[in-house]
């Protein structure tokens, strides 16, 4: 997962290790909003809504059970 907001950038790697890299955009760059990018294996795309929900849970974006919005194609 990649998150860019303002001058900050965070990369969170897959797997149980969940490597986290945080820093600032090069050359005083800035993003005028918030960008979130996720990647999934092609053979798991049919379960996209489940993968997105799991990613939100693992990243800590879902704090309360009532925040369980889901994307469905």
PDB file of N, CA and C in Angstrom:
ATOM      1  N   UNK A   1       0.862  -1.166   0.000  1.00  0.00           N
ATOM      2  CA  UNK A   1       0.000   0.000   0.000  1.00  0.00           C
ATOM      3  C   UNK A   1       0.904   1.222   0.000  1.00  0.00           C
ATOM      4  N   UNK A   2       0.496   2.237  -0.711  1.00  0.00           N
ATOM      5  CA  UNK A   2       1.221   3.501  -0.794  1.00  0.00           C
ATOM      6  C   UNK A   2       0.268   4.618  -0.400  1.00  0.00           C
ATOM      7  N   UNK A   3       0.720   5.489   0.489  1.00  0.00           N
ATOM      8  CA  UNK A   3      -0.074   6.651   0.898  1.00  0.00           C
ATOM      9  C   UNK A   3       0.804   7.884   0.730  1.00  0.00           C
ATOM     10  N   UNK A   4       0.283   8.877   0.005  1.00  0.00           N
ATOM     11  CA  UNK A   4       0.984  10.149  -0.172  1.00  0.00           C
ATOM     12  C   UNK A   4       0.015  11.252   0.230  1.00  0.00           C
ATOM     13  N   UNK A   5       0.481  12.156   1.077  1.00  0.00           N
ATOM     14  CA  UNK A   5      -0.348  13.278   1.487  1.00  0.00           C
ATOM     15  C   UNK A   5       0.569  14.436   1.863  1.00  0.00           C
ATOM     16  N   UNK A   6       0.304  15.597   1.290  1.00  0.00           N
ATOM     17  CA  UNK A   6       1.189  16.732   1.552  1.00  0.00           C
ATOM     18  C   UNK A   6       2.590  16.406   1.065  1.00  0.00           C
ATOM     19  N   UNK A   7       3.579  16.516   1.942  1.00  0.00           N
ATOM     20  CA  UNK A   7       4.950  16.184   1.587  1.00  0.00           C
ATOM     21  C   UNK A   7       5.339  14.780   2.029  1.00  0.00           C
ATOM     22  N   UNK A   8       4.447  14.093   2.736  1.00  0.00           N
ATOM     23  CA  UNK A   8       4.771  12.777   3.290  1.00  0.00           C
ATOM     24  C   UNK A   8       4.421  11.626   2.378  1.00  0.00           C
ATOM     25  N   UNK A   9       5.179  10.538   2.514  1.00  0.00           N
ATOM     26  CA  UNK A   9       4.928   9.311   1.758  1.00  0.00           C
ATOM     27  C   UNK A   9       5.183   8.119   2.678  1.00  0.00           C
ATOM     28  N   UNK A  10       4.277   7.144   2.616  1.00  0.00           N
ATOM     29  CA  UNK A  10       4.393   5.926   3.425  1.00  0.00           C
ATOM     30  C   UNK A  10       4.160   4.732   2.518  1.00  0.00           C
ATOM     31  N   UNK A  11       5.033   3.733   2.612  1.00  0.00           N
ATOM     32  CA  UNK A  11       4.864   2.472   1.891  1.00  0.00           C
ATOM     33  C   UNK A  11       4.746   1.364   2.925  1.00  0.00           C
ATOM     34  N   UNK A  12       3.718   0.545   2.794  1.00  0.00           N
ATOM     35  CA  UNK A  12       3.519  -0.595   3.688  1.00  0.00           C
ATOM     36  C   UNK A  12       3.569  -1.844   2.833  1.00  0.00           C
ATOM     37  N   UNK A  13       4.547  -2.718   3.118  1.00  0.00           N
ATOM     38  CA  UNK A  13       4.737  -3.924   2.326  1.00  0.00           C
ATOM     39  C   UNK A  13       3.786  -5.034   2.734  1.00  0.00           C
ATOM     40  N   UNK A  14       3.653  -6.039   1.880  1.00  0.00           N
ATOM     41  CA  UNK A  14       2.732  -7.155   2.140  1.00  0.00           C
ATOM     42  C   UNK A  14       3.320  -8.163   3.126  1.00  0.00           C
ATOM     43  N   UNK A  15       2.484  -9.093   3.516  1.00  0.00           N
ATOM     44  CA  UNK A  15       2.941 -10.200   4.344  1.00  0.00           C
ATOM     45  C   UNK A  15       2.921  -9.896   5.823  1.00  0.00           C
ATOM     46  N   UNK A  16       3.329 -10.890   6.586  1.00  0.00           N
ATOM     47  CA  UNK A  16       3.313 -10.756   8.044  1.00  0.00           C
ATOM     48  C   UNK A  16       4.349  -9.761   8.544  1.00  0.00           C
ATOM     49  N   UNK A  17       5.428  -9.556   7.774  1.00  0.00           N
ATOM     50  CA  UNK A  17       6.460  -8.613   8.193  1.00  0.00           C
ATOM     51  C   UNK A  17       5.959  -7.180   8.175  1.00  0.00           C
ATOM     52  N   UNK A  18       5.053  -6.878   7.229  1.00  0.00           N
ATOM     53  CA  UNK A  18       4.488  -5.538   7.064  1.00  0.00           C
ATOM     54  C   UNK A  18       5.551  -4.458   7.160  1.00  0.00           C
ATOM     55  N   UNK A  19       6.533  -4.506   6.291  1.00  0.00           N
ATOM     56  CA  UNK A  19       7.571  -3.481   6.291  1.00  0.00           C
ATOM     57  C   UNK A  19       6.956  -2.119   6.040  1.00  0.00           C
ATOM     58  N   UNK A  20       7.405  -1.146   6.788  1.00  0.00           N
ATOM     59  CA  UNK A  20       6.887   0.218   6.663  1.00  0.00           C
ATOM     60  C   UNK A  20       8.061   1.142   6.366  1.00  0.00           C
ATOM     61  N   UNK A  21       7.916   1.917   5.297  1.00  0.00           N
ATOM     62  CA  UNK A  21       8.896   2.936   4.950  1.00  0.00           C
ATOM     63  C   UNK A  21       8.170   4.273   4.915  1.00  0.00           C
ATOM     64  N   UNK A  22       8.689   5.227   5.640  1.00  0.00           N
ATOM     65  CA  UNK A  22       8.076   6.549   5.666  1.00  0.00           C
ATOM     66  C   UNK A  22       9.130   7.591   5.327  1.00  0.00           C
ATOM     67  N   UNK A  23       8.710   8.666   4.703  1.00  0.00           N
ATOM     68  CA  UNK A  23       9.638   9.729   4.354  1.00  0.00           C
ATOM     69  C   UNK A  23       8.915  10.909   3.758  1.00  0.00           C
ATOM     70  N   UNK A  24       9.676  11.727   3.056  1.00  0.00           N
ATOM     71  CA  UNK A  24       9.102  12.901   2.403  1.00  0.00           C
ATOM     72  C   UNK A  24       9.352  12.799   0.906  1.00  0.00           C
ATOM     73  N   UNK A  25       8.520  13.457   0.140  1.00  0.00           N
ATOM     74  CA  UNK A  25       8.681  13.468  -1.306  1.00  0.00           C
ATOM     75  C   UNK A  25       9.985  14.195  -1.668  1.00  0.00           C
ATOM     76  N   UNK A  26      10.661  13.732  -2.702  1.00  0.00           N
ATOM     77  CA  UNK A  26      11.929  14.360  -3.077  1.00  0.00           C
ATOM     78  C   UNK A  26      11.740  15.773  -3.642  1.00  0.00           C
ATOM     79  N   UNK A  27      12.815  16.544  -3.575  1.00  0.00           N
ATOM     80  CA  UNK A  27      12.873  17.894  -4.162  1.00  0.00           C
ATOM     81  C   UNK A  27      11.741  18.794  -3.672  1.00  0.00           C
ATOM     82  N   UNK A  28      11.423  18.714  -2.392  1.00  0.00           N
ATOM     83  CA  UNK A  28      10.354  19.526  -1.775  1.00  0.00           C
ATOM     84  C   UNK A  28       9.009  19.348  -2.465  1.00  0.00           C
ATOM     85  N   UNK A  29       8.784  18.172  -3.040  1.00  0.00           N
ATOM     86  CA  UNK A  29       7.518  17.889  -3.699  1.00  0.00           C
ATOM     87  C   UNK A  29       6.380  17.828  -2.698  1.00  0.00           C
ATOM     88  N   UNK A  30       5.176  18.081  -3.177  1.00  0.00           N
ATOM     89  CA  UNK A  30       3.993  18.028  -2.321  1.00  0.00           C
ATOM     90  C   UNK A  30       2.808  17.563  -3.148  1.00  0.00           C
ATOM     91  N   UNK A  31       1.932  16.784  -2.531  1.00  0.00           N
ATOM     92  CA  UNK A  31       0.705  16.320  -3.170  1.00  0.00           C
ATOM     93  C   UNK A  31      -0.458  17.064  -2.514  1.00  0.00           C
ATOM     94  N   UNK A  32      -1.297  17.767  -3.292  1.00  0.00           N
ATOM     95  CA  UNK A  32      -2.338  18.623  -2.718  1.00  0.00           C
ATOM     96  C   UNK A  32      -3.594  17.871  -2.281  1.00  0.00           C
ATOM     97  N   UNK A  33      -3.433  16.705  -1.706  1.00  0.00           N
ATOM     98  CA  UNK A  33      -4.568  15.900  -1.246  1.00  0.00           C
ATOM     99  C   UNK A  33      -4.015  14.641  -0.615  1.00  0.00           C
ATOM    100  N   UNK A  34      -4.763  13.574  -0.702  1.00  0.00           N
ATOM    101  CA  UNK A  34      -4.306  12.281  -0.185  1.00  0.00           C
ATOM    102  C   UNK A  34      -4.498  11.233  -1.257  1.00  0.00           C
ATOM    103  N   UNK A  35      -3.433  10.503  -1.536  1.00  0.00           N
ATOM    104  CA  UNK A  35      -3.442   9.435  -2.524  1.00  0.00           C
ATOM    105  C   UNK A  35      -3.205   8.116  -1.798  1.00  0.00           C
ATOM    106  N   UNK A  36      -4.063   7.136  -2.054  1.00  0.00           N
ATOM    107  CA  UNK A  36      -3.886   5.797  -1.499  1.00  0.00           C
ATOM    108  C   UNK A  36      -3.902   4.827  -2.661  1.00  0.00           C
ATOM    109  N   UNK A  37      -2.856   4.004  -2.763  1.00  0.00           N
ATOM    110  CA  UNK A  37      -2.761   3.023  -3.845  1.00  0.00           C
ATOM    111  C   UNK A  37      -2.534   1.647  -3.250  1.00  0.00           C
ATOM    112  N   UNK A  38      -3.269   0.665  -3.754  1.00  0.00           N
ATOM    113  CA  UNK A  38      -3.147  -0.725  -3.307  1.00  0.00           C
ATOM    114  C   UNK A  38      -2.884  -1.611  -4.511  1.00  0.00           C
ATOM    115  N   UNK A  39      -2.152  -2.680  -4.325  1.00  0.00           N
ATOM    116  CA  UNK A  39      -1.964  -3.662  -5.389  1.00  0.00           C
ATOM    117  C   UNK A  39      -2.366  -5.034  -4.872  1.00  0.00           C
ATOM    118  N   UNK A  40      -2.974  -5.817  -5.770  1.00  0.00           N
ATOM    119  CA  UNK A  40      -3.393  -7.180  -5.457  1.00  0.00           C
ATOM    120  C   UNK A  40      -2.957  -8.095  -6.582  1.00  0.00           C
ATOM    121  N   UNK A  41      -2.761  -9.351  -6.262  1.00  0.00           N
ATOM    122  CA  UNK A  41      -2.446 -10.335  -7.292  1.00  0.00           C
ATOM    123  C   UNK A  41      -3.630 -10.473  -8.238  1.00  0.00           C
ATOM    124  N   UNK A  42      -3.331 -10.655  -9.517  1.00  0.00           N
ATOM    125  CA  UNK A  42      -4.370 -10.737 -10.541  1.00  0.00           C
ATOM    126  C   UNK A  42      -5.349 -11.880 -10.276  1.00  0.00           C
ATOM    127  N   UNK A  43      -4.872 -12.996  -9.756  1.00  0.00           N
ATOM    128  CA  UNK A  43      -5.763 -14.131  -9.523  1.00  0.00           C
ATOM    129  C   UNK A  43      -6.671 -13.938  -8.311  1.00  0.00           C
ATOM    130  N   UNK A  44      -6.525 -12.815  -7.587  1.00  0.00           N
ATOM    131  CA  UNK A  44      -7.402 -12.530  -6.456  1.00  0.00           C
ATOM    132  C   UNK A  44      -8.375 -11.381  -6.728  1.00  0.00           C
ATOM    133  N   UNK A  45      -8.364 -10.851  -7.945  1.00  0.00           N
ATOM    134  CA  UNK A  45      -9.195  -9.683  -8.242  1.00  0.00           C
ATOM    135  C   UNK A  45     -10.688  -9.968  -8.079  1.00  0.00           C
ATOM    136  N   UNK A  46     -11.123 -11.198  -8.313  1.00  0.00           N
ATOM    137  CA  UNK A  46     -12.553 -11.496  -8.176  1.00  0.00           C
ATOM    138  C   UNK A  46     -13.039 -11.313  -6.740  1.00  0.00           C
ATOM    139  N   UNK A  47     -12.129 -11.304  -5.775  1.00  0.00           N
ATOM    140  CA  UNK A  47     -12.470 -11.065  -4.367  1.00  0.00           C
ATOM    141  C   UNK A  47     -12.044  -9.670  -3.921  1.00  0.00           C
ATOM    142  N   UNK A  48     -12.085  -8.701  -4.839  1.00  0.00           N
ATOM    143  CA  UNK A  48     -11.561  -7.369  -4.551  1.00  0.00           C
ATOM    144  C   UNK A  48     -12.177  -6.764  -3.298  1.00  0.00           C
ATOM    145  N   UNK A  49     -13.484  -6.859  -3.152  1.00  0.00           N
ATOM    146  CA  UNK A  49     -14.124  -6.246  -1.986  1.00  0.00           C
ATOM    147  C   UNK A  49     -13.619  -6.858  -0.680  1.00  0.00           C
ATOM    148  N   UNK A  50     -13.337  -8.157  -0.673  1.00  0.00           N
ATOM    149  CA  UNK A  50     -12.793  -8.797   0.532  1.00  0.00           C
ATOM    150  C   UNK A  50     -11.351  -8.373   0.767  1.00  0.00           C
ATOM    151  N   UNK A  51     -10.562  -8.268  -0.314  1.00  0.00           N
ATOM    152  CA  UNK A  51      -9.171  -7.839  -0.192  1.00  0.00           C
ATOM    153  C   UNK A  51      -9.076  -6.401   0.310  1.00  0.00           C
ATOM    154  N   UNK A  52      -9.929  -5.528  -0.202  1.00  0.00           N
ATOM    155  CA  UNK A  52      -9.911  -4.140   0.232  1.00  0.00           C
ATOM    156  C   UNK A  52     -10.300  -4.033   1.706  1.00  0.00           C
ATOM    157  N   UNK A  53     -11.288  -4.782   2.119  1.00  0.00           N
ATOM    158  CA  UNK A  53     -11.701  -4.785   3.521  1.00  0.00           C
ATOM    159  C   UNK A  53     -10.563  -5.295   4.409  1.00  0.00           C
ATOM    160  N   UNK A  54      -9.890  -6.367   3.995  1.00  0.00           N
ATOM    161  CA  UNK A  54      -8.770  -6.912   4.769  1.00  0.00           C
ATOM    162  C   UNK A  54      -7.625  -5.909   4.843  1.00  0.00           C
ATOM    163  N   UNK A  55      -7.346  -5.221   3.746  1.00  0.00           N
ATOM    164  CA  UNK A  55      -6.273  -4.217   3.738  1.00  0.00           C
ATOM    165  C   UNK A  55      -6.588  -3.079   4.702  1.00  0.00           C
ATOM    166  N   UNK A  56      -7.854  -2.650   4.728  1.00  0.00           N
ATOM    167  CA  UNK A  56      -8.235  -1.578   5.645  1.00  0.00           C
ATOM    168  C   UNK A  56      -8.099  -2.025   7.093  1.00  0.00           C
ATOM    169  N   UNK A  57      -8.488  -3.267   7.381  1.00  0.00           N
ATOM    170  CA  UNK A  57      -8.347  -3.787   8.748  1.00  0.00           C
ATOM    171  C   UNK A  57      -6.876  -3.899   9.148  1.00  0.00           C
ATOM    172  N   UNK A  58      -6.043  -4.472   8.258  1.00  0.00           N
ATOM    173  CA  UNK A  58      -4.627  -4.677   8.578  1.00  0.00           C
ATOM    174  C   UNK A  58      -3.869  -3.366   8.734  1.00  0.00           C
ATOM    175  N   UNK A  59      -4.266  -2.351   8.002  1.00  0.00           N
ATOM    176  CA  UNK A  59      -3.567  -1.068   8.077  1.00  0.00           C
ATOM    177  C   UNK A  59      -4.060  -0.205   9.235  1.00  0.00           C
ATOM    178  N   UNK A  60      -5.130  -0.641   9.910  1.00  0.00           N
ATOM    179  CA  UNK A  60      -5.658   0.129  11.026  1.00  0.00           C
ATOM    180  C   UNK A  60      -6.631   1.215  10.615  1.00  0.00           C
ATOM    181  N   UNK A  61      -7.089   1.194   9.366  1.00  0.00           N
ATOM    182  CA  UNK A  61      -8.018   2.219   8.910  1.00  0.00           C
ATOM    183  C   UNK A  61      -9.437   2.001   9.430  1.00  0.00           C
ATOM    184  N   UNK A  62      -9.756   0.789   9.844  1.00  0.00           N
ATOM    185  CA  UNK A  62     -11.072   0.509  10.431  1.00  0.00           C
ATOM    186  C   UNK A  62     -10.894   0.404  11.942  1.00  0.00           C
ATOM    187  N   UNK A  63     -11.421   1.377  12.655  1.00  0.00           N
ATOM    188  CA  UNK A  63     -11.232   1.414  14.099  1.00  0.00           C
ATOM    189  C   UNK A  63     -12.416   0.852  14.876  1.00  0.00           C
ATOM    190  N   UNK A  64     -13.604   0.997  14.323  1.00  0.00           N
ATOM    191  CA  UNK A  64     -14.809   0.528  15.017  1.00  0.00           C
ATOM    192  C   UNK A  64     -15.590  -0.384  14.082  1.00  0.00           C
ATOM    193  N   UNK A  65     -16.271  -1.377  14.624  1.00  0.00           N
ATOM    194  CA  UNK A  65     -17.046  -2.290  13.766  1.00  0.00           C
ATOM    195  C   UNK A  65     -18.076  -1.587  12.892  1.00  0.00           C
ATOM    196  N   UNK A  66     -18.583  -0.436  13.305  1.00  0.00           N
ATOM    197  CA  UNK A  66     -19.600   0.235  12.495  1.00  0.00           C
ATOM    198  C   UNK A  66     -19.016   0.895  11.249  1.00  0.00           C
ATOM    199  N   UNK A  67     -17.682   1.005  11.138  1.00  0.00           N
ATOM    200  CA  UNK A  67     -17.037   1.561   9.946  1.00  0.00           C
ATOM    201  C   UNK A  67     -16.685   0.444   8.977  1.00  0.00           C
ATOM    202  N   UNK A  68     -17.656  -0.302   8.507  1.00  0.00           N
ATOM    203  CA  UNK A  68     -17.382  -1.473   7.683  1.00  0.00           C
ATOM    204  C   UNK A  68     -17.863  -1.285   6.252  1.00  0.00           C
ATOM    205  N   UNK A  69     -17.651  -0.080   5.695  1.00  0.00           N
ATOM    206  CA  UNK A  69     -18.029   0.157   4.313  1.00  0.00           C
ATOM    207  C   UNK A  69     -17.254  -0.758   3.382  1.00  0.00           C
ATOM    208  N   UNK A  70     -17.902  -1.263   2.337  1.00  0.00           N
ATOM    209  CA  UNK A  70     -17.261  -2.186   1.419  1.00  0.00           C
ATOM    210  C   UNK A  70     -17.485  -1.747  -0.024  1.00  0.00           C
ATOM    211  N   UNK A  71     -16.480  -1.961  -0.829  1.00  0.00           N
ATOM    212  CA  UNK A  71     -16.571  -1.722  -2.252  1.00  0.00           C
ATOM    213  C   UNK A  71     -17.038  -3.020  -2.919  1.00  0.00           C
ATOM    214  N   UNK A  72     -18.038  -2.929  -3.754  1.00  0.00           N
ATOM    215  CA  UNK A  72     -18.495  -4.106  -4.518  1.00  0.00           C
ATOM    216  C   UNK A  72     -18.653  -3.713  -5.973  1.00  0.00           C
ATOM    217  N   UNK A  73     -18.129  -4.544  -6.846  1.00  0.00           N
ATOM    218  CA  UNK A  73     -18.204  -4.258  -8.280  1.00  0.00           C
ATOM    219  C   UNK A  73     -19.599  -4.516  -8.811  1.00  0.00           C
TER     220      UNK A  73
END
